[in-house]
Amino acid sequence: MINPGLSSKFWWRTLFFSLILMILSGPGYGKDYKGGELRTYDTYRYGRFEVRMKSVAGSGVLSSFFTYHDFTSGGAGNWNEIDWEWLGNHDDKAQTNLIIQNQWDLPEFIDVDFNPHEDFHTYAFEWTPDYVAFFIDDQSVRWIDNFYVDSLYHYQKIMMNIWQPIYEEWVGEFDEDILPVYAYYDWVKYYMYVPGTGNYGTDNNFFLLWGDEFETWDTDRWQKANHTFYGNNCDFIYDNVVFYDGYLILCLTTPDDTGYGDDDTQYILHNPGFESDIENWSVWPENLTNYTVVTEPVLHGNHSLKLFGQNSGTTNSISVYQTFNPSQGDEFTFSGYAYSASDDPISGDNSAYLELTFFDENWNILGEQPVSSSITSSSPTDQWIPLTVSGTAPTGVVSFNVAMIFNQIDDDSGSVFFDDLDLFYSNLSTNSSVAPVNYNLFQIYPNPFNNRTIFQFIIEDFSPVTLTVVNVLGQHITTVVDRDLNTGEYKLSWDGTDHNGTELPSGVYFAMLENVNGIEVQKIILLK
């Protein structure tokens, strides 16, 4: 993203410093503020890119949706970028831009008859070998078909960020007293460019490949950023990329008040991948030292938590936990991944697992403590194993802990690593805002289920249909059907196994029924 008011000579100088700072910078580099950025692992060339979002207001603040080719290894001669950018000091316009080789850019403000910071709108751009076109709420607002388009041929990642540029002549003067501020993203969709065979977009030349409703963080698709660059007054940190209430929320904060601070976000799990060491987590008993944050192995990011035995000769345990204050009847699912290494495997009767514990006002435990399946001496080594535990807040509840437990029996040894923890509050919205057109997933029964459940739905018109099951992290579990279906009623069964036939642990899963016109999502509870 480039400041359109700066000369090319200045931009060559800023590029030089930017490359140096990219090498030097990283998590906690020490910028005045903390921002958030999310990007795809995969790269894309051509297609229609859509987002429904509400940008952030405030002079000196910028939120965005764009595609970007990482040119750092080949220099600015390989720069490719397509931008939607919202400057917080403008309440009646949005900026579009192309950036190509040698930093040539083509910015243009788009006047709108609404305030983009006050409500959600759909923004899109189509990128083809012949043109780039920008859209707001499906209305074309800019069309480019000159030599800039010829120079856009590098594969690019889909990205969103919020940051504080230093260029006051572009974004306005910044006052940190407005912090924290947030940009809200409802969904993102990517349509393949399939000229002559599509069913969407200009001339029906595009076909929906995937959409993400941001009910959870899909760690197979999206990567949180932890870097900075020249001209940016903030570091991007993991805690400022939050998935809550069906939204991706990017946060711009001070270093002392990171994350999403809305009064309703009482169930946000902070520092879920231990990227900020043990911050926001507590240890019980408090005097224990048999834990550490390590850099290997890791599932995502740069760190994981290692728990190991106390070698005390007696049965004991260590708990690393966070505390929340629920209401009676609230349902929760705590999930994550555990890893037992072959060079120090868990042995004997030792075990490690996830746990929920509900307390009354006197810190008395209420009812049984739900636990996940355990990592034991018989568990596979050198692979990340998903764990899930669910529970409902009982009568008299005041607080509850989500915890990782390492339970030691006598002098048995070994260690277990944890990463990518997630707390899911089941009262959050799980239904897609895209209304299904020609099918209706109206029943899953039994639900909860133990051995087998039935998906029952109606197809009103001949249609390609995909029915998949995902876990609470949005990761693919199995595909029940993926083919054209004729008009009629269908009943399809699922036995609670993944695509390899492996039995799944108890927990919350989601059935996603989808075709090119929409998607419907239903929660499933598996009990063993």
Protein backbone atom coordinates (compact mmCIF):
# COMPACT_ATOMS: atom_id res chain seq x y z
CA MET A 1 0.00 0.00 0.00
CA ILE A 2 1.61 3.19 -1.16
CA ASN A 3 1.06 6.85 -0.34
CA PRO A 4 -0.09 8.41 -3.61
CA GLY A 5 1.34 11.80 -2.71
CA LEU A 6 4.97 10.74 -2.46
CA SER A 7 7.52 11.01 -5.25
CA SER A 8 9.11 7.95 -6.80
CA LYS A 9 12.53 9.10 -5.56
CA PHE A 10 11.24 9.20 -2.02
CA TRP A 11 9.67 5.79 -2.45
CA TRP A 12 12.95 4.26 -3.58
CA ARG A 13 14.48 5.57 -0.37
CA THR A 14 11.61 4.28 1.75
CA LEU A 15 11.84 0.91 0.01
CA PHE A 16 15.50 0.64 0.99
CA PHE A 17 14.76 1.34 4.62
CA SER A 18 11.69 -0.87 4.47
CA LEU A 19 13.77 -3.85 3.37
CA ILE A 20 16.29 -3.22 6.12
CA LEU A 21 13.58 -2.95 8.75
CA MET A 22 11.84 -6.08 7.50
CA ILE A 23 15.03 -7.93 8.32
CA LEU A 24 15.47 -6.27 11.70
CA SER A 25 11.85 -6.15 12.77
CA GLY A 26 9.66 -8.82 14.25
CA PRO A 27 7.36 -9.44 17.19
CA GLY A 28 7.82 -6.80 19.86
CA TYR A 29 10.19 -4.70 17.77
CA GLY A 30 9.08 -1.71 19.82
CA LYS A 31 6.84 0.48 17.67
CA ASP A 32 4.57 2.93 19.47
CA TYR A 33 1.38 1.01 18.65
CA LYS A 34 0.20 -2.51 17.90
CA GLY A 35 -1.83 -3.42 14.82
CA GLY A 36 -3.20 -6.60 13.25
CA GLU A 37 -2.80 -8.35 9.92
CA LEU A 38 -4.21 -11.57 8.48
CA ARG A 39 -3.03 -13.17 5.24
CA THR A 40 -3.64 -16.40 3.33
CA TYR A 41 -1.02 -19.10 3.14
CA ASP A 42 -1.99 -19.74 -0.49
CA THR A 43 -1.42 -17.32 -3.35
CA TYR A 44 -3.83 -16.56 -6.19
CA ARG A 45 -3.61 -15.23 -9.73
CA TYR A 46 -6.78 -13.78 -11.24
CA GLY A 47 -10.25 -14.07 -9.81
CA ARG A 48 -12.89 -12.07 -7.95
CA PHE A 49 -12.02 -11.11 -4.38
CA GLU A 50 -14.85 -10.04 -2.07
CA VAL A 51 -15.16 -8.82 1.50
CA ARG A 52 -18.05 -7.62 3.63
CA MET A 53 -16.62 -5.28 6.22
CA LYS A 54 -16.90 -2.13 8.32
CA SER A 55 -13.74 -0.01 8.24
CA VAL A 56 -12.23 1.90 11.14
CA ALA A 57 -12.82 5.60 11.78
CA GLY A 58 -10.15 7.99 13.02
CA SER A 59 -7.63 10.37 11.56
CA GLY A 60 -4.27 8.73 10.95
CA VAL A 61 -5.69 5.19 10.82
CA LEU A 62 -5.96 2.88 7.80
CA SER A 63 -7.79 -0.44 7.34
CA SER A 64 -7.62 -2.51 4.18
CA PHE A 65 -8.49 -5.49 2.00
CA PHE A 66 -5.96 -6.28 -0.73
CA THR A 67 -3.85 -8.80 -2.57
CA TYR A 68 -0.08 -8.66 -2.41
CA HIS A 69 2.92 -10.36 -3.97
CA ASP A 70 5.84 -10.60 -1.55
CA PHE A 71 8.60 -8.94 -3.54
CA THR A 72 11.26 -8.72 -0.81
CA SER A 73 13.42 -11.46 -2.33
CA GLY A 74 13.39 -9.97 -5.81
CA GLY A 75 13.17 -6.25 -5.12
CA ALA A 76 10.57 -3.70 -6.15
CA GLY A 77 10.82 -4.88 -9.74
CA ASN A 78 8.52 -7.74 -8.69
CA TRP A 79 5.95 -5.68 -6.79
CA ASN A 80 2.29 -6.53 -7.51
CA GLU A 81 -0.60 -5.31 -5.36
CA ILE A 82 -4.34 -4.56 -5.70
CA ASP A 83 -5.92 -2.48 -2.92
CA TRP A 84 -9.07 -1.45 -1.22
CA GLU A 85 -8.02 1.01 1.51
CA TRP A 86 -10.14 2.98 3.95
CA LEU A 87 -8.62 6.10 5.47
CA GLY A 88 -10.20 6.80 8.81
CA ASN A 89 -10.23 10.56 8.19
CA HIS A 90 -12.62 10.18 5.20
CA ASP A 91 -16.24 9.30 5.92
CA ASP A 92 -17.45 9.57 2.31
CA LYS A 93 -14.86 7.74 0.21
CA ALA A 94 -12.60 4.73 -0.13
CA GLN A 95 -9.31 4.42 -1.98
CA THR A 96 -8.50 1.91 -4.71
CA ASN A 97 -5.00 1.31 -6.05
CA LEU A 98 -2.77 -0.87 -8.19
CA ILE A 99 0.97 -1.18 -7.62
CA ILE A 100 3.17 -2.80 -10.23
CA GLN A 101 6.84 -3.32 -11.01
CA ASN A 102 9.20 -0.50 -10.02
CA GLN A 103 6.54 0.87 -7.65
CA TRP A 104 4.32 2.46 -10.22
CA ASP A 105 0.96 3.01 -8.60
CA LEU A 106 -2.48 4.10 -9.78
CA PRO A 107 -4.50 5.37 -6.77
CA GLU A 108 -8.01 6.72 -7.03
CA PHE A 109 -10.54 7.73 -4.39
CA ILE A 110 -14.08 6.41 -4.85
CA ASP A 111 -16.84 8.71 -3.55
CA VAL A 112 -19.62 6.89 -1.71
CA ASP A 113 -23.01 8.02 -0.42
CA PHE A 114 -22.55 6.33 2.96
CA ASN A 115 -20.05 6.34 5.81
CA PRO A 116 -17.95 3.15 5.39
CA HIS A 117 -16.98 3.31 9.08
CA GLU A 118 -20.57 3.10 10.35
CA ASP A 119 -22.01 0.04 8.59
CA PHE A 120 -21.06 -3.09 6.67
CA HIS A 121 -20.79 -3.02 2.89
CA THR A 122 -19.52 -5.48 0.31
CA TYR A 123 -16.36 -4.50 -1.58
CA ALA A 124 -14.83 -6.52 -4.39
CA PHE A 125 -12.36 -6.42 -7.23
CA GLU A 126 -12.05 -8.60 -10.30
CA TRP A 127 -8.56 -9.28 -11.57
CA THR A 128 -8.20 -10.82 -15.03
CA PRO A 129 -5.47 -10.75 -17.71
CA ASP A 130 -7.45 -7.98 -19.43
CA TYR A 131 -8.80 -5.73 -16.69
CA VAL A 132 -9.08 -4.93 -12.99
CA ALA A 133 -12.50 -3.72 -11.85
CA PHE A 134 -13.65 -2.52 -8.42
CA PHE A 135 -17.17 -2.94 -7.01
CA ILE A 136 -19.18 -1.68 -4.04
CA ASP A 137 -22.32 -3.61 -3.16
CA ASP A 138 -22.13 -5.27 -6.62
CA GLN A 139 -22.02 -1.91 -8.43
CA SER A 140 -19.01 -1.24 -10.65
CA VAL A 141 -17.12 1.86 -9.46
CA ARG A 142 -13.79 1.66 -11.34
CA TRP A 143 -12.49 -0.15 -14.44
CA ILE A 144 -8.81 -0.35 -15.45
CA ASP A 145 -7.64 -1.97 -18.69
CA ASN A 146 -4.35 -0.23 -19.49
CA PHE A 147 -0.72 -1.37 -19.30
CA TYR A 148 -0.89 -1.60 -15.49
CA VAL A 149 -3.03 -4.70 -15.87
CA ASP A 150 -0.47 -6.28 -18.21
CA SER A 151 2.09 -5.96 -15.41
CA LEU A 152 -0.09 -7.70 -12.81
CA TYR A 153 0.84 -11.33 -13.27
CA HIS A 154 2.49 -12.46 -10.02
CA TYR A 155 0.58 -14.77 -7.68
CA GLN A 156 -0.62 -12.81 -4.65
CA LYS A 157 -1.85 -13.48 -1.13
CA ILE A 158 -5.20 -12.19 0.14
CA MET A 159 -4.60 -9.83 3.04
CA MET A 160 -6.30 -7.49 5.52
CA ASN A 161 -4.66 -5.18 8.03
CA ILE A 162 -5.07 -2.16 10.27
CA TRP A 163 -2.14 0.20 10.86
CA GLN A 164 -1.03 3.76 11.58
CA PRO A 165 0.90 5.31 8.67
CA ILE A 166 3.38 8.10 9.37
CA TYR A 167 2.23 10.10 6.32
CA GLU A 168 -0.07 12.81 7.71
CA GLU A 169 -0.62 14.41 4.29
CA TRP A 170 -2.24 11.12 3.25
CA VAL A 171 -4.11 9.81 6.29
CA GLY A 172 -4.32 12.88 8.53
CA GLU A 173 -2.85 13.69 11.92
CA PHE A 174 -3.07 10.88 14.46
CA ASP A 175 -4.17 11.20 18.09
CA GLU A 176 -3.49 8.09 20.17
CA ASP A 177 -6.32 9.02 22.55
CA ILE A 178 -8.75 7.41 20.08
CA LEU A 179 -7.22 3.97 20.75
CA PRO A 180 -8.24 1.23 20.80
CA VAL A 181 -10.06 1.13 17.45
CA TYR A 182 -11.28 -1.85 15.44
CA ALA A 183 -12.06 -2.90 11.86
CA TYR A 184 -14.72 -5.60 11.45
CA TYR A 185 -14.73 -8.22 8.66
CA ASP A 186 -17.88 -10.31 8.25
CA TRP A 187 -16.67 -12.61 5.49
CA VAL A 188 -14.24 -13.04 2.61
CA LYS A 189 -14.86 -14.95 -0.63
CA TYR A 190 -12.60 -15.97 -3.49
CA TYR A 191 -13.98 -16.75 -6.96
CA MET A 192 -11.83 -18.45 -9.59
CA TYR A 193 -11.53 -16.81 -13.01
CA VAL A 194 -13.08 -19.35 -15.41
CA PRO A 195 -14.02 -17.44 -18.57
CA GLY A 196 -17.01 -18.91 -20.36
CA THR A 197 -17.82 -21.48 -17.67
CA GLY A 198 -18.58 -19.50 -14.50
CA ASN A 199 -21.82 -18.34 -12.92
CA TYR A 200 -20.93 -15.12 -11.09
CA GLY A 201 -19.40 -11.69 -11.63
CA THR A 202 -18.85 -9.86 -14.89
CA ASP A 203 -20.11 -11.95 -17.83
CA ASN A 204 -20.46 -14.92 -15.44
CA ASN A 205 -16.73 -15.55 -15.74
CA PHE A 206 -16.15 -16.44 -12.08
CA PHE A 207 -16.88 -19.45 -9.89
CA LEU A 208 -16.90 -19.50 -6.06
CA LEU A 209 -13.95 -21.56 -4.82
CA TRP A 210 -14.29 -20.81 -1.12
CA GLY A 211 -15.81 -18.44 1.42
CA ASP A 212 -14.90 -17.85 5.05
CA GLU A 213 -17.54 -16.61 7.52
CA PHE A 214 -14.93 -16.15 10.30
CA GLU A 215 -16.82 -18.25 12.81
CA THR A 216 -13.39 -19.53 13.83
CA TRP A 217 -9.79 -19.06 12.76
CA ASP A 218 -9.13 -21.45 9.87
CA THR A 219 -5.46 -22.11 10.59
CA ASP A 220 -5.09 -24.04 7.34
CA ARG A 221 -6.09 -20.95 5.32
CA TRP A 222 -5.06 -17.87 7.31
CA GLN A 223 -1.84 -16.77 8.94
CA LYS A 224 -1.60 -14.02 11.54
CA ALA A 225 1.28 -11.60 10.98
CA ASN A 226 4.01 -10.50 13.38
CA HIS A 227 6.16 -7.97 11.48
CA THR A 228 6.34 -4.28 10.67
CA PHE A 229 7.70 -2.07 7.89
CA TYR A 230 9.00 1.41 7.28
CA GLY A 231 6.32 4.10 7.42
CA ASN A 232 4.20 2.08 9.84
CA ASN A 233 3.99 3.27 13.44
CA CYS A 234 2.85 -0.13 14.72
CA ASP A 235 3.99 -3.72 14.98
CA PHE A 236 1.56 -6.37 13.81
CA ILE A 237 0.93 -8.85 16.63
CA TYR A 238 -1.13 -12.04 16.93
CA ASP A 239 -3.29 -10.79 19.82
CA ASN A 240 -4.68 -7.98 17.64
CA VAL A 241 -6.22 -10.46 15.19
CA VAL A 242 -9.38 -11.70 16.91
CA PHE A 243 -12.17 -14.04 15.79
CA TYR A 244 -15.30 -13.21 17.75
CA ASP A 245 -19.08 -13.42 17.26
CA GLY A 246 -18.75 -14.42 13.61
CA TYR A 247 -16.32 -11.62 12.74
CA LEU A 248 -12.64 -11.18 12.10
CA ILE A 249 -11.69 -8.12 14.16
CA LEU A 250 -8.42 -6.30 13.49
CA CYS A 251 -7.33 -4.11 16.38
CA LEU A 252 -5.12 -1.00 16.60
CA THR A 253 -4.06 -0.53 20.21
CA THR A 254 -1.39 0.68 22.57
CA PRO A 255 1.19 -1.92 23.68
CA ASP A 256 -0.46 -2.13 27.12
CA ASP A 257 -4.02 -2.77 25.95
CA THR A 258 -3.88 -5.29 23.12
CA GLY A 259 -6.68 -7.46 21.81
CA TYR A 260 -10.37 -6.75 21.37
CA GLY A 261 -11.73 -4.77 24.30
CA ASP A 262 -15.47 -4.80 23.64
CA ASP A 263 -17.46 -5.29 26.84
CA ASP A 264 -19.15 -8.38 25.40
CA THR A 265 -15.93 -10.23 24.57
CA GLN A 266 -15.62 -11.94 27.92
CA TYR A 267 -14.69 -15.28 26.37
CA ILE A 268 -11.72 -14.32 24.21
CA LEU A 269 -8.73 -16.59 24.84
CA HIS A 270 -5.64 -14.39 24.98
CA ASN A 271 -2.21 -15.43 23.72
CA PRO A 272 -3.59 -18.78 22.48
CA GLY A 273 -0.33 -19.82 20.80
CA PHE A 274 2.10 -18.58 23.48
CA GLU A 275 3.58 -16.03 21.09
CA SER A 276 3.92 -13.64 24.06
CA ASP A 277 5.57 -16.22 26.31
CA ILE A 278 3.29 -17.15 29.24
CA GLU A 279 1.46 -13.78 29.25
CA ASN A 280 -2.27 -14.05 30.18
CA TRP A 281 -1.81 -17.63 31.42
CA SER A 282 -1.52 -18.69 35.09
CA VAL A 283 0.06 -21.78 36.67
CA TRP A 284 -1.26 -23.94 39.48
CA PRO A 285 0.22 -24.81 41.90
CA GLU A 286 1.91 -21.41 41.73
CA ASN A 287 5.34 -22.58 42.83
CA LEU A 288 5.83 -25.08 39.99
CA THR A 289 8.52 -24.60 37.35
CA ASN A 290 8.01 -27.66 35.15
CA TYR A 291 6.76 -25.64 32.18
CA THR A 292 8.39 -23.48 29.52
CA VAL A 293 7.61 -21.76 26.23
CA VAL A 294 9.68 -23.23 23.38
CA THR A 295 10.30 -22.61 19.68
CA GLU A 296 10.21 -26.26 18.59
CA PRO A 297 7.99 -28.07 17.88
CA VAL A 298 5.30 -25.58 16.88
CA LEU A 299 2.08 -26.01 14.92
CA HIS A 300 1.69 -22.38 13.84
CA GLY A 301 3.52 -19.20 14.79
CA ASN A 302 6.85 -19.32 16.59
CA HIS A 303 6.15 -20.86 20.01
CA SER A 304 4.38 -23.60 21.91
CA LEU A 305 3.98 -24.54 25.58
CA LYS A 306 5.96 -27.46 27.01
CA LEU A 307 4.72 -29.28 30.14
CA PHE A 308 6.77 -32.01 31.76
CA GLY A 309 6.89 -34.13 34.90
CA GLN A 310 7.98 -32.87 38.29
CA ASN A 311 9.99 -36.07 38.98
CA SER A 312 8.94 -35.89 42.61
CA GLY A 313 8.16 -39.56 43.07
CA THR A 314 4.54 -38.79 43.91
CA THR A 315 1.33 -38.33 42.00
CA ASN A 316 0.78 -34.65 41.16
CA SER A 317 -0.14 -32.37 38.30
CA ILE A 318 0.53 -28.96 36.79
CA SER A 319 -2.21 -26.78 35.31
CA VAL A 320 -1.69 -23.84 32.94
CA TYR A 321 -4.98 -21.97 32.72
CA GLN A 322 -7.04 -18.85 32.00
CA THR A 323 -10.11 -17.78 34.02
CA PHE A 324 -13.45 -16.44 32.73
CA ASN A 325 -16.79 -15.42 34.26
CA PRO A 326 -19.71 -17.22 32.58
CA SER A 327 -23.47 -17.19 33.02
CA GLN A 328 -25.50 -20.26 33.93
CA GLY A 329 -26.29 -22.34 30.85
CA ASP A 330 -23.49 -20.97 28.70
CA GLU A 331 -21.89 -23.74 26.61
CA PHE A 332 -18.17 -23.81 25.92
CA THR A 333 -15.75 -25.85 23.85
CA PHE A 334 -12.04 -25.63 24.61
CA SER A 335 -9.79 -27.10 21.92
CA GLY A 336 -6.18 -27.25 20.89
CA TYR A 337 -3.35 -29.49 19.76
CA ALA A 338 -0.88 -31.60 21.73
CA TYR A 339 2.42 -33.21 20.68
CA SER A 340 4.50 -35.94 22.29
CA ALA A 341 8.05 -36.09 20.92
CA SER A 342 9.75 -39.43 20.28
CA ASP A 343 12.95 -38.24 21.96
CA ASP A 344 11.08 -37.61 25.25
CA PRO A 345 7.76 -39.47 25.00
CA ILE A 346 5.21 -39.48 27.77
CA SER A 347 5.75 -42.72 29.74
CA GLY A 348 4.15 -44.99 32.29
CA ASP A 349 0.78 -43.80 33.52
CA ASN A 350 1.44 -40.11 32.93
CA SER A 351 -1.12 -38.24 30.87
CA ALA A 352 -1.87 -34.78 29.48
CA TYR A 353 -5.24 -33.33 28.48
CA LEU A 354 -7.49 -30.26 28.31
CA GLU A 355 -9.92 -29.50 31.14
CA LEU A 356 -12.85 -27.22 32.02
CA THR A 357 -13.51 -26.42 35.69
CA PHE A 358 -16.52 -24.44 36.96
CA PHE A 359 -16.43 -22.68 40.37
CA ASP A 360 -18.89 -21.03 42.73
CA GLU A 361 -18.24 -17.75 44.53
CA ASN A 362 -16.06 -19.53 47.13
CA TRP A 363 -13.96 -21.32 44.50
CA ASN A 364 -15.63 -24.63 45.20
CA ILE A 365 -15.71 -26.90 42.15
CA LEU A 366 -19.19 -27.38 40.73
CA GLY A 367 -19.99 -30.83 39.34
CA GLU A 368 -17.56 -32.94 37.38
CA GLN A 369 -14.62 -31.40 35.54
CA PRO A 370 -15.02 -32.17 31.81
CA VAL A 371 -11.78 -33.36 30.23
CA SER A 372 -10.66 -34.13 26.70
CA SER A 373 -9.16 -37.37 25.53
CA SER A 374 -5.65 -37.82 26.93
CA ILE A 375 -2.16 -37.95 25.52
CA THR A 376 -0.61 -41.09 27.03
CA SER A 377 2.27 -43.50 26.47
CA SER A 378 0.22 -45.22 23.77
CA SER A 379 -0.44 -42.02 21.80
CA PRO A 380 1.33 -41.43 18.47
CA THR A 381 4.54 -39.42 18.71
CA ASP A 382 5.93 -36.63 16.54
CA GLN A 383 2.55 -35.42 15.35
CA TRP A 384 0.05 -32.79 16.49
CA ILE A 385 -3.08 -34.42 17.91
CA PRO A 386 -6.34 -32.41 18.22
CA LEU A 387 -7.98 -32.33 21.64
CA THR A 388 -11.46 -30.99 22.48
CA VAL A 389 -13.51 -30.68 25.67
CA SER A 390 -17.00 -29.22 26.06
CA GLY A 391 -19.04 -28.18 29.10
CA THR A 392 -22.05 -26.17 30.23
CA ALA A 393 -21.90 -23.62 33.05
CA PRO A 394 -24.01 -25.04 35.93
CA THR A 395 -26.27 -23.35 38.48
CA GLY A 396 -24.32 -21.21 40.92
CA VAL A 397 -21.38 -20.68 38.60
CA VAL A 398 -19.26 -17.56 39.08
CA SER A 399 -16.08 -18.42 37.17
CA PHE A 400 -14.46 -21.20 35.18
CA ASN A 401 -10.98 -22.19 34.06
CA VAL A 402 -9.79 -23.60 30.76
CA ALA A 403 -6.61 -25.51 31.40
CA MET A 404 -3.89 -27.72 29.99
CA ILE A 405 -3.01 -30.44 32.49
CA PHE A 406 0.06 -32.64 32.82
CA ASN A 407 -0.65 -35.41 35.32
CA GLN A 408 2.38 -37.26 36.74
CA ILE A 409 2.17 -40.69 38.35
CA ASP A 410 5.12 -41.59 40.60
CA ASP A 411 8.41 -41.02 38.71
CA ASP A 412 7.10 -41.58 35.20
CA SER A 413 8.69 -39.15 32.74
CA GLY A 414 8.05 -37.45 29.43
CA SER A 415 6.82 -34.10 28.11
CA VAL A 416 3.91 -32.77 26.06
CA PHE A 417 3.65 -29.63 23.91
CA PHE A 418 0.49 -27.55 23.38
CA ASP A 419 -0.31 -25.03 20.63
CA ASP A 420 -3.21 -23.26 18.86
CA LEU A 421 -5.65 -23.23 21.77
CA ASP A 422 -9.18 -21.95 21.12
CA LEU A 423 -12.22 -21.23 23.30
CA PHE A 424 -15.55 -21.46 21.50
CA TYR A 425 -18.71 -20.00 23.05
CA SER A 426 -21.59 -21.85 21.43
CA ASN A 427 -24.09 -18.98 21.70
CA LEU A 428 -22.11 -17.14 19.03
CA SER A 429 -23.74 -17.05 15.61
CA THR A 430 -23.06 -20.17 13.54
CA ASN A 431 -25.45 -19.55 10.66
CA SER A 432 -24.19 -18.07 7.44
CA SER A 433 -25.56 -14.68 6.45
CA VAL A 434 -25.81 -15.99 2.88
CA ALA A 435 -29.29 -17.41 2.46
CA PRO A 436 -29.38 -20.80 0.69
CA VAL A 437 -31.33 -20.66 -2.52
CA ASN A 438 -32.22 -24.16 -3.56
CA TYR A 439 -31.71 -26.39 -0.55
CA ASN A 440 -32.58 -26.42 3.13
CA LEU A 441 -30.67 -28.22 5.87
CA PHE A 442 -33.59 -28.48 8.26
CA GLN A 443 -32.66 -31.33 10.57
CA ILE A 444 -29.74 -33.26 12.03
CA TYR A 445 -30.82 -36.16 14.22
CA PRO A 446 -29.99 -37.44 16.69
CA ASN A 447 -28.04 -34.40 17.93
CA PRO A 448 -26.12 -34.85 20.21
CA PHE A 449 -25.20 -38.29 18.88
CA ASN A 450 -22.94 -41.18 19.79
CA ASN A 451 -22.54 -43.64 16.92
CA ARG A 452 -24.34 -42.18 13.91
CA THR A 453 -26.33 -39.08 12.95
CA ILE A 454 -28.50 -38.25 9.92
CA PHE A 455 -28.36 -35.11 7.76
CA GLN A 456 -31.78 -34.50 6.20
CA PHE A 457 -32.26 -31.79 3.59
CA ILE A 458 -34.27 -30.89 0.48
CA ILE A 459 -32.98 -30.02 -2.98
CA GLU A 460 -35.51 -27.85 -4.81
CA ASP A 461 -33.60 -27.67 -8.11
CA PHE A 462 -30.87 -29.79 -9.68
CA SER A 463 -27.66 -28.51 -8.13
CA PRO A 464 -24.03 -29.37 -7.32
CA VAL A 465 -23.99 -29.87 -3.55
CA THR A 466 -21.18 -30.26 -1.04
CA LEU A 467 -21.81 -31.42 2.52
CA THR A 468 -18.72 -31.31 4.71
CA VAL A 469 -17.96 -31.57 8.42
CA VAL A 470 -15.41 -29.29 10.07
CA ASN A 471 -14.19 -28.91 13.65
CA VAL A 472 -14.39 -25.82 15.86
CA LEU A 473 -11.19 -24.50 14.27
CA GLY A 474 -12.82 -24.64 10.85
CA GLN A 475 -10.54 -27.47 9.76
CA HIS A 476 -11.89 -30.10 7.35
CA ILE A 477 -12.92 -33.39 8.96
CA THR A 478 -14.74 -35.27 6.21
CA THR A 479 -16.83 -34.80 3.08
CA VAL A 480 -20.22 -36.52 3.22
CA VAL A 481 -21.25 -35.69 -0.35
CA ASP A 482 -19.74 -33.66 -3.20
CA ARG A 483 -21.69 -34.13 -6.44
CA ASP A 484 -24.71 -33.01 -8.44
CA LEU A 485 -28.03 -33.86 -6.78
CA ASN A 486 -31.47 -33.98 -8.37
CA THR A 487 -34.59 -32.43 -6.89
CA GLY A 488 -35.82 -34.32 -3.84
CA GLU A 489 -35.29 -35.11 -0.16
CA TYR A 490 -32.02 -36.61 1.03
CA LYS A 491 -30.95 -38.40 4.19
CA LEU A 492 -27.19 -38.94 4.57
CA SER A 493 -25.48 -40.45 7.58
CA TRP A 494 -22.20 -39.77 9.36
CA ASP A 495 -20.56 -42.12 11.85
CA GLY A 496 -18.35 -39.61 13.71
CA THR A 497 -15.11 -40.45 11.90
CA ASP A 498 -12.75 -38.32 9.83
CA HIS A 499 -11.85 -38.80 6.15
CA ASN A 500 -9.40 -41.56 7.14
CA GLY A 501 -12.03 -43.47 9.11
CA THR A 502 -10.48 -42.51 12.45
CA GLU A 503 -12.94 -42.08 15.31
CA LEU A 504 -13.20 -38.49 16.51
CA PRO A 505 -13.17 -37.33 20.15
CA SER A 506 -16.24 -35.91 21.84
CA GLY A 507 -16.85 -32.27 21.04
CA VAL A 508 -18.55 -29.72 18.85
CA TYR A 509 -18.43 -30.00 15.04
CA PHE A 510 -20.21 -28.21 12.21
CA ALA A 511 -22.01 -29.50 9.13
CA MET A 512 -21.69 -27.16 6.13
CA LEU A 513 -24.13 -27.62 3.24
CA GLU A 514 -23.06 -25.57 0.25
CA ASN A 515 -23.55 -24.88 -3.43
CA VAL A 516 -22.67 -21.92 -5.65
CA ASN A 517 -25.66 -19.95 -4.38
CA GLY A 518 -25.12 -20.19 -0.66
CA ILE A 519 -24.16 -22.06 2.45
CA GLU A 520 -25.95 -23.22 5.60
CA VAL A 521 -24.17 -24.28 8.78
CA GLN A 522 -25.46 -26.41 11.67
CA LYS A 523 -23.75 -27.37 14.92
CA ILE A 524 -23.31 -31.07 15.80
CA ILE A 525 -22.36 -32.44 19.22
CA LEU A 526 -20.55 -35.79 19.34
CA LEU A 527 -20.67 -37.59 22.70
CA LYS A 528 -18.67 -40.75 23.42
